[in-house]
Amino acid sequence: TERDRDGEHLFMQLELCDGTLASARERAIELANAARDVPDDAGARRRAADARFGEWKIARVLRQIAAALACAHARNVAHLDVKPDNILVKDGVYKLGDWGRAAPADGVGNQSFGASGGRSASVSVEDGDARYLAPELLRGEVRVEGSIHPSRGGRGAGEGAGGGSGLEPDSPTVDDAMCGGGPFGSAQSAGGPNLSLPGDFVGLDRADIFSLGATAFELARGAPLPSHGDEYQALRRGEVPALRGFSVSFQQMVAGMMREDPTARPTARALLKSQALAEAERAEEDKRKPGGLFGA
């Protein structure tokens, strides 16, 4: 950061990235179509295969963006506009940008209280892309459950994402090193309070998880998400079609992220502990080993 000569303005120089996840997705689709047009072109098939978003590549996107969300959510910040256009790519690293629609995850400062005393967050979705927005945001029915402040005796965050989703319950003992040195600093400041979301908290953070799941589903299907119609409505109801060529655990993970009920979705921290992510990464490591699927 730098100040001007009079010290009245603060300038921030942002990192120059290679492009967005959206542009990488479009490039993959173009190469896949080109390879189909010339089935005898080995070079075209190879380029399409390299650009394709397979299970391991999508798992890498999920892990890196979930780490960014975990840091933000631990500070009571929900992004609310997670989509391929807002995920930047630099040297193979995925970074979450465009925080212009961010809001408090617990709705404080952006909430209304009903006659019954229950809290509901009031969030504008006018500028969001409906293809990726969580159904509760589109309906204006966001409910904030639990407290953002540390509490005892709450259920483990992410426990609602059981039932074969491939996700483990979250835990306050998860290593917070992923936040160290980043733009948000450490998730637990020395001598300060533990900023990890308590187990009984469900707020706007779960809307980010739906959007990230929708992003992963779009990458896996190799085509843009529907913006209207029966398929669009089915996705809002949490009805996620099967993905050909992807493992059962991976599909269950994505479906868990896109559940209609926000309390049934995992937290970002629970997603980082997902068995499906670990399995996808292990499978890719095995392929790359001498004598693996690619031969010695």
C-alpha atoms as a PDB file:
ATOM      1  CA  THR A   1       0.000   0.000   0.000  1.00  0.00           C
ATOM      2  CA  GLU A   2       1.108   3.570  -0.646  1.00  0.00           C
ATOM      3  CA  ARG A   3      -0.145   7.059   0.208  1.00  0.00           C
ATOM      4  CA  ASP A   4      -0.151  10.035  -2.108  1.00  0.00           C
ATOM      5  CA  ARG A   5       2.093  13.026  -1.476  1.00  0.00           C
ATOM      6  CA  ASP A   6      -0.522  14.798   0.628  1.00  0.00           C
ATOM      7  CA  GLY A   7      -1.312  11.647   2.585  1.00  0.00           C
ATOM      8  CA  GLU A   8      -5.012  12.009   1.853  1.00  0.00           C
ATOM      9  CA  HIS A   9      -5.511   8.886  -0.230  1.00  0.00           C
ATOM     10  CA  LEU A  10      -4.480   5.299   0.281  1.00  0.00           C
ATOM     11  CA  PHE A  11      -3.663   3.237  -2.802  1.00  0.00           C
ATOM     12  CA  MET A  12      -3.649  -0.552  -2.832  1.00  0.00           C
ATOM     13  CA  GLN A  13      -1.779  -2.496  -5.489  1.00  0.00           C
ATOM     14  CA  LEU A  14      -3.451  -5.844  -6.012  1.00  0.00           C
ATOM     15  CA  GLU A  15      -1.833  -8.993  -7.304  1.00  0.00           C
ATOM     16  CA  LEU A  16      -2.038  -9.513 -11.055  1.00  0.00           C
ATOM     17  CA  CYS A  17      -3.556 -12.948 -11.642  1.00  0.00           C
ATOM     18  CA  ASP A  18      -3.574 -15.062 -14.791  1.00  0.00           C
ATOM     19  CA  GLY A  19      -7.347 -15.134 -15.143  1.00  0.00           C
ATOM     20  CA  THR A  20     -10.501 -16.471 -13.498  1.00  0.00           C
ATOM     21  CA  LEU A  21     -11.910 -19.912 -12.917  1.00  0.00           C
ATOM     22  CA  ALA A  22     -14.707 -18.950 -15.324  1.00  0.00           C
ATOM     23  CA  SER A  23     -12.247 -18.335 -18.157  1.00  0.00           C
ATOM     24  CA  ALA A  24     -10.460 -21.613 -17.386  1.00  0.00           C
ATOM     25  CA  ARG A  25     -13.804 -23.445 -17.453  1.00  0.00           C
ATOM     26  CA  GLU A  26     -14.759 -21.883 -20.793  1.00  0.00           C
ATOM     27  CA  ARG A  27     -11.360 -22.817 -22.224  1.00  0.00           C
ATOM     28  CA  ALA A  28     -11.853 -26.417 -21.090  1.00  0.00           C
ATOM     29  CA  ILE A  29     -15.276 -26.547 -22.786  1.00  0.00           C
ATOM     30  CA  GLU A  30     -13.859 -25.110 -26.026  1.00  0.00           C
ATOM     31  CA  LEU A  31     -11.032 -27.652 -26.121  1.00  0.00           C
ATOM     32  CA  ALA A  32     -13.420 -30.523 -25.368  1.00  0.00           C
ATOM     33  CA  ASN A  33     -15.681 -29.465 -28.258  1.00  0.00           C
ATOM     34  CA  ALA A  34     -12.673 -29.133 -30.567  1.00  0.00           C
ATOM     35  CA  ALA A  35     -11.480 -32.633 -29.645  1.00  0.00           C
ATOM     36  CA  ARG A  36     -14.926 -34.077 -30.445  1.00  0.00           C
ATOM     37  CA  ASP A  37     -14.901 -32.380 -33.838  1.00  0.00           C
ATOM     38  CA  VAL A  38     -11.594 -34.060 -34.800  1.00  0.00           C
ATOM     39  CA  PRO A  39     -11.616 -37.421 -32.991  1.00  0.00           C
ATOM     40  CA  ASP A  40      -8.453 -38.594 -34.766  1.00  0.00           C
ATOM     41  CA  ASP A  41      -6.372 -35.634 -33.542  1.00  0.00           C
ATOM     42  CA  ALA A  42      -4.287 -36.967 -30.633  1.00  0.00           C
ATOM     43  CA  GLY A  43      -2.984 -33.478 -29.850  1.00  0.00           C
ATOM     44  CA  ALA A  44      -6.495 -32.079 -29.520  1.00  0.00           C
ATOM     45  CA  ARG A  45      -7.481 -34.922 -27.197  1.00  0.00           C
ATOM     46  CA  ARG A  46      -4.410 -34.314 -25.049  1.00  0.00           C
ATOM     47  CA  ARG A  47      -5.072 -30.572 -24.774  1.00  0.00           C
ATOM     48  CA  ALA A  48      -8.699 -31.235 -23.847  1.00  0.00           C
ATOM     49  CA  ALA A  49      -7.657 -33.755 -21.198  1.00  0.00           C
ATOM     50  CA  ASP A  50      -5.144 -31.320 -19.681  1.00  0.00           C
ATOM     51  CA  ALA A  51      -7.720 -28.519 -19.474  1.00  0.00           C
ATOM     52  CA  ARG A  52     -10.599 -30.689 -18.234  1.00  0.00           C
ATOM     53  CA  PHE A  53     -11.779 -30.230 -14.672  1.00  0.00           C
ATOM     54  CA  GLY A  54     -11.674 -33.764 -13.347  1.00  0.00           C
ATOM     55  CA  GLU A  55     -12.171 -34.883  -9.774  1.00  0.00           C
ATOM     56  CA  TRP A  56      -8.666 -34.054  -8.539  1.00  0.00           C
ATOM     57  CA  LYS A  57      -8.638 -30.611 -10.173  1.00  0.00           C
ATOM     58  CA  ILE A  58     -12.027 -29.688  -8.728  1.00  0.00           C
ATOM     59  CA  ALA A  59     -10.942 -31.008  -5.330  1.00  0.00           C
ATOM     60  CA  ARG A  60      -8.008 -28.614  -5.495  1.00  0.00           C
ATOM     61  CA  VAL A  61     -10.358 -25.695  -6.193  1.00  0.00           C
ATOM     62  CA  LEU A  62     -12.606 -26.749  -3.297  1.00  0.00           C
ATOM     63  CA  ARG A  63      -9.773 -27.092  -0.814  1.00  0.00           C
ATOM     64  CA  GLN A  64      -8.233 -23.708  -1.591  1.00  0.00           C
ATOM     65  CA  ILE A  65     -11.494 -21.744  -1.687  1.00  0.00           C
ATOM     66  CA  ALA A  66     -12.831 -23.545   1.405  1.00  0.00           C
ATOM     67  CA  ALA A  67      -9.648 -22.475   3.222  1.00  0.00           C
ATOM     68  CA  ALA A  68     -10.347 -18.849   2.245  1.00  0.00           C
ATOM     69  CA  LEU A  69     -13.950 -19.140   3.411  1.00  0.00           C
ATOM     70  CA  ALA A  70     -12.940 -20.787   6.676  1.00  0.00           C
ATOM     71  CA  CYS A  71     -10.706 -17.816   7.475  1.00  0.00           C
ATOM     72  CA  ALA A  72     -13.452 -15.333   6.593  1.00  0.00           C
ATOM     73  CA  HIS A  73     -16.216 -17.192   8.430  1.00  0.00           C
ATOM     74  CA  ALA A  74     -14.060 -17.394  11.556  1.00  0.00           C
ATOM     75  CA  ARG A  75     -14.131 -13.599  11.478  1.00  0.00           C
ATOM     76  CA  ASN A  76     -17.907 -13.420  11.034  1.00  0.00           C
ATOM     77  CA  VAL A  77     -17.636 -12.534   7.327  1.00  0.00           C
ATOM     78  CA  ALA A  78     -19.710 -14.239   4.626  1.00  0.00           C
ATOM     79  CA  HIS A  79     -18.675 -13.652   1.005  1.00  0.00           C
ATOM     80  CA  LEU A  80     -22.161 -14.116  -0.561  1.00  0.00           C
ATOM     81  CA  ASP A  81     -20.934 -14.072  -4.162  1.00  0.00           C
ATOM     82  CA  VAL A  82     -18.851 -17.220  -4.595  1.00  0.00           C
ATOM     83  CA  LYS A  83     -18.812 -18.161  -8.288  1.00  0.00           C
ATOM     84  CA  PRO A  84     -16.252 -18.929 -11.022  1.00  0.00           C
ATOM     85  CA  ASP A  85     -16.068 -15.270 -12.114  1.00  0.00           C
ATOM     86  CA  ASN A  86     -14.897 -14.302  -8.613  1.00  0.00           C
ATOM     87  CA  ILE A  87     -12.282 -17.038  -8.225  1.00  0.00           C
ATOM     88  CA  LEU A  88      -8.919 -15.869  -9.532  1.00  0.00           C
ATOM     89  CA  VAL A  89      -6.132 -18.133 -10.741  1.00  0.00           C
ATOM     90  CA  LYS A  90      -2.409 -17.440 -10.317  1.00  0.00           C
ATOM     91  CA  ASP A  91       0.186 -20.097 -11.174  1.00  0.00           C
ATOM     92  CA  GLY A  92      -2.316 -22.875 -10.485  1.00  0.00           C
ATOM     93  CA  VAL A  93      -3.432 -21.368  -7.154  1.00  0.00           C
ATOM     94  CA  TYR A  94      -7.103 -20.428  -6.736  1.00  0.00           C
ATOM     95  CA  LYS A  95      -7.952 -17.241  -4.828  1.00  0.00           C
ATOM     96  CA  LEU A  96     -11.297 -15.818  -3.768  1.00  0.00           C
ATOM     97  CA  GLY A  97     -11.785 -12.208  -4.905  1.00  0.00           C
ATOM     98  CA  ASP A  98     -14.502  -9.562  -5.198  1.00  0.00           C
ATOM     99  CA  TRP A  99     -15.678  -9.161  -1.617  1.00  0.00           C
ATOM    100  CA  GLY A 100     -18.039  -6.309  -2.508  1.00  0.00           C
ATOM    101  CA  ARG A 101     -21.161  -8.204  -1.353  1.00  0.00           C
ATOM    102  CA  ALA A 102     -19.662  -9.518   1.897  1.00  0.00           C
ATOM    103  CA  ALA A 103     -21.835  -9.287   5.007  1.00  0.00           C
ATOM    104  CA  PRO A 104     -21.667 -10.366   8.663  1.00  0.00           C
ATOM    105  CA  ALA A 105     -22.232 -14.115   8.835  1.00  0.00           C
ATOM    106  CA  ASP A 106     -24.445 -13.660  11.901  1.00  0.00           C
ATOM    107  CA  GLY A 107     -26.531 -10.918  10.280  1.00  0.00           C
ATOM    108  CA  VAL A 108     -25.650  -8.308  12.933  1.00  0.00           C
ATOM    109  CA  GLY A 109     -25.936  -4.875  11.362  1.00  0.00           C
ATOM    110  CA  ASN A 110     -27.886  -6.416   8.491  1.00  0.00           C
ATOM    111  CA  GLN A 111     -30.808  -8.131  10.165  1.00  0.00           C
ATOM    112  CA  SER A 112     -34.432  -7.814  11.203  1.00  0.00           C
ATOM    113  CA  PHE A 113     -36.181  -9.324  14.198  1.00  0.00           C
ATOM    114  CA  GLY A 114     -39.548 -11.025  13.905  1.00  0.00           C
ATOM    115  CA  ALA A 115     -42.365 -10.726  16.386  1.00  0.00           C
ATOM    116  CA  SER A 116     -41.438 -14.101  17.821  1.00  0.00           C
ATOM    117  CA  GLY A 117     -37.965 -12.880  18.700  1.00  0.00           C
ATOM    118  CA  GLY A 118     -36.233 -15.089  16.160  1.00  0.00           C
ATOM    119  CA  ARG A 119     -33.456 -13.559  14.092  1.00  0.00           C
ATOM    120  CA  SER A 120     -33.529 -13.440  10.312  1.00  0.00           C
ATOM    121  CA  ALA A 121     -30.807 -11.861   8.220  1.00  0.00           C
ATOM    122  CA  SER A 122     -31.997  -9.470   5.519  1.00  0.00           C
ATOM    123  CA  VAL A 123     -29.586  -9.629   2.580  1.00  0.00           C
ATOM    124  CA  SER A 124     -29.887  -8.020  -0.842  1.00  0.00           C
ATOM    125  CA  VAL A 125     -29.420 -10.456  -3.730  1.00  0.00           C
ATOM    126  CA  GLU A 126     -30.143  -8.024  -6.553  1.00  0.00           C
ATOM    127  CA  ASP A 127     -26.554  -8.031  -7.821  1.00  0.00           C
ATOM    128  CA  GLY A 128     -25.878 -11.733  -7.310  1.00  0.00           C
ATOM    129  CA  ASP A 129     -25.917 -14.479  -9.920  1.00  0.00           C
ATOM    130  CA  ALA A 130     -28.997 -16.582  -9.168  1.00  0.00           C
ATOM    131  CA  ARG A 131     -27.360 -19.706 -10.626  1.00  0.00           C
ATOM    132  CA  TYR A 132     -25.031 -19.880  -7.628  1.00  0.00           C
ATOM    133  CA  LEU A 133     -27.088 -18.241  -4.869  1.00  0.00           C
ATOM    134  CA  ALA A 134     -28.417 -20.401  -2.052  1.00  0.00           C
ATOM    135  CA  PRO A 135     -32.205 -20.941  -2.093  1.00  0.00           C
ATOM    136  CA  GLU A 136     -32.701 -19.292   1.294  1.00  0.00           C
ATOM    137  CA  LEU A 137     -31.125 -16.086  -0.060  1.00  0.00           C
ATOM    138  CA  LEU A 138     -33.394 -16.089  -3.100  1.00  0.00           C
ATOM    139  CA  ARG A 139     -36.464 -16.639  -0.905  1.00  0.00           C
ATOM    140  CA  GLY A 140     -35.365 -14.096   1.695  1.00  0.00           C
ATOM    141  CA  GLU A 141     -35.780 -16.731   4.404  1.00  0.00           C
ATOM    142  CA  VAL A 142     -32.320 -16.699   5.985  1.00  0.00           C
ATOM    143  CA  ARG A 143     -32.411 -17.773   9.639  1.00  0.00           C
ATOM    144  CA  VAL A 144     -29.497 -17.279  12.006  1.00  0.00           C
ATOM    145  CA  GLU A 145     -29.268 -20.028  14.599  1.00  0.00           C
ATOM    146  CA  GLY A 146     -26.953 -20.072  17.584  1.00  0.00           C
ATOM    147  CA  SER A 147     -24.424 -17.415  18.543  1.00  0.00           C
ATOM    148  CA  ILE A 148     -21.274 -16.338  16.768  1.00  0.00           C
ATOM    149  CA  HIS A 149     -19.622 -16.170  20.172  1.00  0.00           C
ATOM    150  CA  PRO A 150     -17.936 -19.289  21.612  1.00  0.00           C
ATOM    151  CA  SER A 151     -20.444 -21.554  23.338  1.00  0.00           C
ATOM    152  CA  ARG A 152     -20.385 -24.879  25.100  1.00  0.00           C
ATOM    153  CA  GLY A 153     -22.440 -27.947  24.522  1.00  0.00           C
ATOM    154  CA  GLY A 154     -23.420 -27.184  20.918  1.00  0.00           C
ATOM    155  CA  ARG A 155     -23.397 -29.883  18.298  1.00  0.00           C
ATOM    156  CA  GLY A 156     -20.324 -30.113  16.132  1.00  0.00           C
ATOM    157  CA  ALA A 157     -20.609 -27.851  13.127  1.00  0.00           C
ATOM    158  CA  GLY A 158     -21.121 -29.939  10.058  1.00  0.00           C
ATOM    159  CA  GLU A 159     -22.788 -32.844  11.901  1.00  0.00           C
ATOM    160  CA  GLY A 160     -25.918 -32.034   9.962  1.00  0.00           C
ATOM    161  CA  ALA A 161     -24.004 -32.956   6.818  1.00  0.00           C
ATOM    162  CA  GLY A 162     -23.870 -36.649   7.653  1.00  0.00           C
ATOM    163  CA  GLY A 163     -25.846 -39.341   5.920  1.00  0.00           C
ATOM    164  CA  GLY A 164     -23.142 -40.453   3.543  1.00  0.00           C
ATOM    165  CA  SER A 165     -21.922 -36.996   2.515  1.00  0.00           C
ATOM    166  CA  GLY A 166     -18.274 -37.994   2.994  1.00  0.00           C
ATOM    167  CA  LEU A 167     -17.815 -35.201   5.519  1.00  0.00           C
ATOM    168  CA  GLU A 168     -16.569 -35.430   9.066  1.00  0.00           C
ATOM    169  CA  PRO A 169     -17.904 -33.211  11.887  1.00  0.00           C
ATOM    170  CA  ASP A 170     -15.991 -30.001  12.437  1.00  0.00           C
ATOM    171  CA  SER A 171     -13.833 -29.582  15.519  1.00  0.00           C
ATOM    172  CA  PRO A 172     -12.395 -26.576  17.394  1.00  0.00           C
ATOM    173  CA  THR A 173      -9.039 -28.359  17.372  1.00  0.00           C
ATOM    174  CA  VAL A 174      -8.649 -28.126  13.582  1.00  0.00           C
ATOM    175  CA  ASP A 175      -5.247 -26.652  12.706  1.00  0.00           C
ATOM    176  CA  ASP A 176      -5.584 -22.908  12.078  1.00  0.00           C
ATOM    177  CA  ALA A 177      -2.261 -22.610  10.236  1.00  0.00           C
ATOM    178  CA  MET A 178      -4.171 -22.209   6.957  1.00  0.00           C
ATOM    179  CA  CYS A 179      -5.017 -18.645   8.030  1.00  0.00           C
ATOM    180  CA  GLY A 180      -1.530 -17.714   9.188  1.00  0.00           C
ATOM    181  CA  GLY A 181       0.230 -15.120   7.066  1.00  0.00           C
ATOM    182  CA  GLY A 182      -2.786 -14.691   4.814  1.00  0.00           C
ATOM    183  CA  PRO A 183      -4.933 -11.596   4.392  1.00  0.00           C
ATOM    184  CA  PHE A 184      -6.997 -12.535   7.441  1.00  0.00           C
ATOM    185  CA  GLY A 185      -4.082 -13.502   9.709  1.00  0.00           C
ATOM    186  CA  SER A 186      -4.391 -16.376  12.157  1.00  0.00           C
ATOM    187  CA  ALA A 187      -7.788 -17.771  13.052  1.00  0.00           C
ATOM    188  CA  GLN A 188      -6.843 -17.571  16.693  1.00  0.00           C
ATOM    189  CA  SER A 189      -4.954 -14.483  17.804  1.00  0.00           C
ATOM    190  CA  ALA A 190      -2.362 -14.925  20.508  1.00  0.00           C
ATOM    191  CA  GLY A 191      -3.897 -13.990  23.831  1.00  0.00           C
ATOM    192  CA  GLY A 192      -7.233 -13.247  22.156  1.00  0.00           C
ATOM    193  CA  PRO A 193     -10.507 -15.124  21.867  1.00  0.00           C
ATOM    194  CA  ASN A 194     -10.910 -18.173  19.690  1.00  0.00           C
ATOM    195  CA  LEU A 195     -12.663 -16.894  16.579  1.00  0.00           C
ATOM    196  CA  SER A 196     -13.656 -20.310  15.221  1.00  0.00           C
ATOM    197  CA  LEU A 197     -17.380 -20.613  14.634  1.00  0.00           C
ATOM    198  CA  PRO A 198     -19.018 -22.432  17.560  1.00  0.00           C
ATOM    199  CA  GLY A 199     -20.715 -25.737  16.944  1.00  0.00           C
ATOM    200  CA  ASP A 200     -24.296 -24.476  17.233  1.00  0.00           C
ATOM    201  CA  PHE A 201     -23.921 -21.584  14.799  1.00  0.00           C
ATOM    202  CA  VAL A 202     -25.642 -21.594  11.403  1.00  0.00           C
ATOM    203  CA  GLY A 203     -25.783 -18.333   9.458  1.00  0.00           C
ATOM    204  CA  LEU A 204     -24.889 -16.802   6.124  1.00  0.00           C
ATOM    205  CA  ASP A 205     -21.707 -18.870   6.075  1.00  0.00           C
ATOM    206  CA  ARG A 206     -23.769 -21.828   4.815  1.00  0.00           C
ATOM    207  CA  ALA A 207     -24.923 -19.789   1.796  1.00  0.00           C
ATOM    208  CA  ASP A 208     -21.266 -19.584   0.757  1.00  0.00           C
ATOM    209  CA  ILE A 209     -21.038 -23.373   0.958  1.00  0.00           C
ATOM    210  CA  PHE A 210     -24.019 -23.778  -1.396  1.00  0.00           C
ATOM    211  CA  SER A 211     -22.414 -21.405  -3.890  1.00  0.00           C
ATOM    212  CA  LEU A 212     -19.102 -23.250  -3.740  1.00  0.00           C
ATOM    213  CA  GLY A 213     -20.930 -26.556  -4.227  1.00  0.00           C
ATOM    214  CA  ALA A 214     -22.776 -25.123  -7.242  1.00  0.00           C
ATOM    215  CA  THR A 215     -19.430 -24.009  -8.659  1.00  0.00           C
ATOM    216  CA  ALA A 216     -17.986 -27.498  -8.214  1.00  0.00           C
ATOM    217  CA  PHE A 217     -21.063 -29.092  -9.801  1.00  0.00           C
ATOM    218  CA  GLU A 218     -20.797 -26.789 -12.822  1.00  0.00           C
ATOM    219  CA  LEU A 219     -17.112 -27.652 -13.300  1.00  0.00           C
ATOM    220  CA  ALA A 220     -17.868 -31.366 -13.029  1.00  0.00           C
ATOM    221  CA  ARG A 221     -20.750 -31.355 -15.516  1.00  0.00           C
ATOM    222  CA  GLY A 222     -18.679 -29.441 -18.073  1.00  0.00           C
ATOM    223  CA  ALA A 223     -21.506 -27.054 -18.999  1.00  0.00           C
ATOM    224  CA  PRO A 224     -22.946 -23.813 -17.582  1.00  0.00           C
ATOM    225  CA  LEU A 225     -25.534 -24.073 -14.833  1.00  0.00           C
ATOM    226  CA  PRO A 226     -29.160 -23.495 -15.842  1.00  0.00           C
ATOM    227  CA  SER A 227     -30.541 -20.031 -15.082  1.00  0.00           C
ATOM    228  CA  HIS A 228     -34.214 -21.042 -15.161  1.00  0.00           C
ATOM    229  CA  GLY A 229     -36.546 -23.956 -15.804  1.00  0.00           C
ATOM    230  CA  ASP A 230     -37.120 -27.322 -14.161  1.00  0.00           C
ATOM    231  CA  GLU A 231     -33.433 -28.192 -13.781  1.00  0.00           C
ATOM    232  CA  TYR A 232     -32.744 -24.841 -12.123  1.00  0.00           C
ATOM    233  CA  GLN A 233     -35.606 -25.361  -9.660  1.00  0.00           C
ATOM    234  CA  ALA A 234     -34.464 -28.927  -8.917  1.00  0.00           C
ATOM    235  CA  LEU A 235     -31.013 -27.684  -7.922  1.00  0.00           C
ATOM    236  CA  ARG A 236     -32.650 -25.138  -5.584  1.00  0.00           C
ATOM    237  CA  ARG A 237     -34.394 -28.097  -3.923  1.00  0.00           C
ATOM    238  CA  GLY A 238     -31.077 -29.864  -3.446  1.00  0.00           C
ATOM    239  CA  GLU A 239     -31.742 -32.417  -6.194  1.00  0.00           C
ATOM    240  CA  VAL A 240     -28.276 -32.833  -7.712  1.00  0.00           C
ATOM    241  CA  PRO A 241     -28.028 -35.138 -10.767  1.00  0.00           C
ATOM    242  CA  ALA A 242     -25.410 -37.876 -10.903  1.00  0.00           C
ATOM    243  CA  LEU A 243     -22.045 -36.926 -12.393  1.00  0.00           C
ATOM    244  CA  ARG A 244     -20.632 -39.425 -14.849  1.00  0.00           C
ATOM    245  CA  GLY A 245     -17.001 -40.323 -14.240  1.00  0.00           C
ATOM    246  CA  PHE A 246     -16.878 -39.060 -10.645  1.00  0.00           C
ATOM    247  CA  SER A 247     -16.589 -41.166  -7.494  1.00  0.00           C
ATOM    248  CA  VAL A 248     -19.588 -41.741  -5.251  1.00  0.00           C
ATOM    249  CA  SER A 249     -17.875 -39.994  -2.327  1.00  0.00           C
ATOM    250  CA  PHE A 250     -17.164 -36.908  -4.439  1.00  0.00           C
ATOM    251  CA  GLN A 251     -20.755 -36.722  -5.667  1.00  0.00           C
ATOM    252  CA  GLN A 252     -22.077 -37.114  -2.127  1.00  0.00           C
ATOM    253  CA  MET A 253     -19.817 -34.288  -0.961  1.00  0.00           C
ATOM    254  CA  VAL A 254     -21.071 -31.900  -3.671  1.00  0.00           C
ATOM    255  CA  ALA A 255     -24.700 -32.894  -3.029  1.00  0.00           C
ATOM    256  CA  GLY A 256     -24.160 -32.264   0.697  1.00  0.00           C
ATOM    257  CA  MET A 257     -22.896 -28.763  -0.040  1.00  0.00           C
ATOM    258  CA  MET A 258     -26.005 -28.028  -2.127  1.00  0.00           C
ATOM    259  CA  ARG A 259     -28.663 -29.248   0.281  1.00  0.00           C
ATOM    260  CA  GLU A 260     -31.720 -27.044   0.472  1.00  0.00           C
ATOM    261  CA  ASP A 261     -31.595 -26.892   4.270  1.00  0.00           C
ATOM    262  CA  PRO A 262     -28.591 -24.727   5.250  1.00  0.00           C
ATOM    263  CA  THR A 263     -28.258 -26.506   8.595  1.00  0.00           C
ATOM    264  CA  ALA A 264     -27.559 -29.749   6.684  1.00  0.00           C
ATOM    265  CA  ARG A 265     -24.622 -28.272   4.779  1.00  0.00           C
ATOM    266  CA  PRO A 266     -21.083 -28.586   6.139  1.00  0.00           C
ATOM    267  CA  THR A 267     -19.042 -25.681   7.403  1.00  0.00           C
ATOM    268  CA  ALA A 268     -15.994 -24.624   5.413  1.00  0.00           C
ATOM    269  CA  ARG A 269     -13.769 -26.141   8.093  1.00  0.00           C
ATOM    270  CA  ALA A 270     -15.621 -29.452   7.924  1.00  0.00           C
ATOM    271  CA  LEU A 271     -15.253 -29.415   4.149  1.00  0.00           C
ATOM    272  CA  LEU A 272     -11.475 -29.142   4.529  1.00  0.00           C
ATOM    273  CA  LYS A 273     -11.598 -32.414   6.489  1.00  0.00           C
ATOM    274  CA  SER A 274     -13.746 -34.135   3.884  1.00  0.00           C
ATOM    275  CA  GLN A 275     -12.828 -37.728   3.112  1.00  0.00           C
ATOM    276  CA  ALA A 276     -13.826 -37.116  -0.521  1.00  0.00           C
ATOM    277  CA  LEU A 277     -11.225 -34.359  -0.916  1.00  0.00           C
ATOM    278  CA  ALA A 278      -8.531 -36.536   0.653  1.00  0.00           C
ATOM    279  CA  GLU A 279      -9.463 -39.507  -1.538  1.00  0.00           C
ATOM    280  CA  ALA A 280      -9.327 -37.417  -4.732  1.00  0.00           C
ATOM    281  CA  GLU A 281      -5.903 -36.088  -3.779  1.00  0.00           C
ATOM    282  CA  ARG A 282      -4.586 -39.548  -2.900  1.00  0.00           C
ATOM    283  CA  ALA A 283      -5.860 -40.969  -6.200  1.00  0.00           C
ATOM    284  CA  GLU A 284      -3.998 -38.291  -8.155  1.00  0.00           C
ATOM    285  CA  GLU A 285      -0.808 -38.926  -6.174  1.00  0.00           C
ATOM    286  CA  ASP A 286      -1.071 -42.631  -6.953  1.00  0.00           C
ATOM    287  CA  LYS A 287      -1.444 -41.870 -10.672  1.00  0.00           C
ATOM    288  CA  ARG A 288       1.725 -39.791 -10.664  1.00  0.00           C
ATOM    289  CA  LYS A 289       3.846 -42.405  -8.896  1.00  0.00           C
ATOM    290  CA  PRO A 290       6.175 -44.549 -11.042  1.00  0.00           C
ATOM    291  CA  GLY A 291       4.283 -47.672 -12.030  1.00  0.00           C
ATOM    292  CA  GLY A 292       0.922 -45.968 -11.394  1.00  0.00           C
ATOM    293  CA  LEU A 293      -1.917 -45.633 -13.857  1.00  0.00           C
ATOM    294  CA  PHE A 294       0.369 -43.725 -16.225  1.00  0.00           C
ATOM    295  CA  GLY A 295       2.957 -46.501 -16.230  1.00  0.00           C
ATOM    296  CA  ALA A 296       6.571 -46.526 -15.130  1.00  0.00           C
END
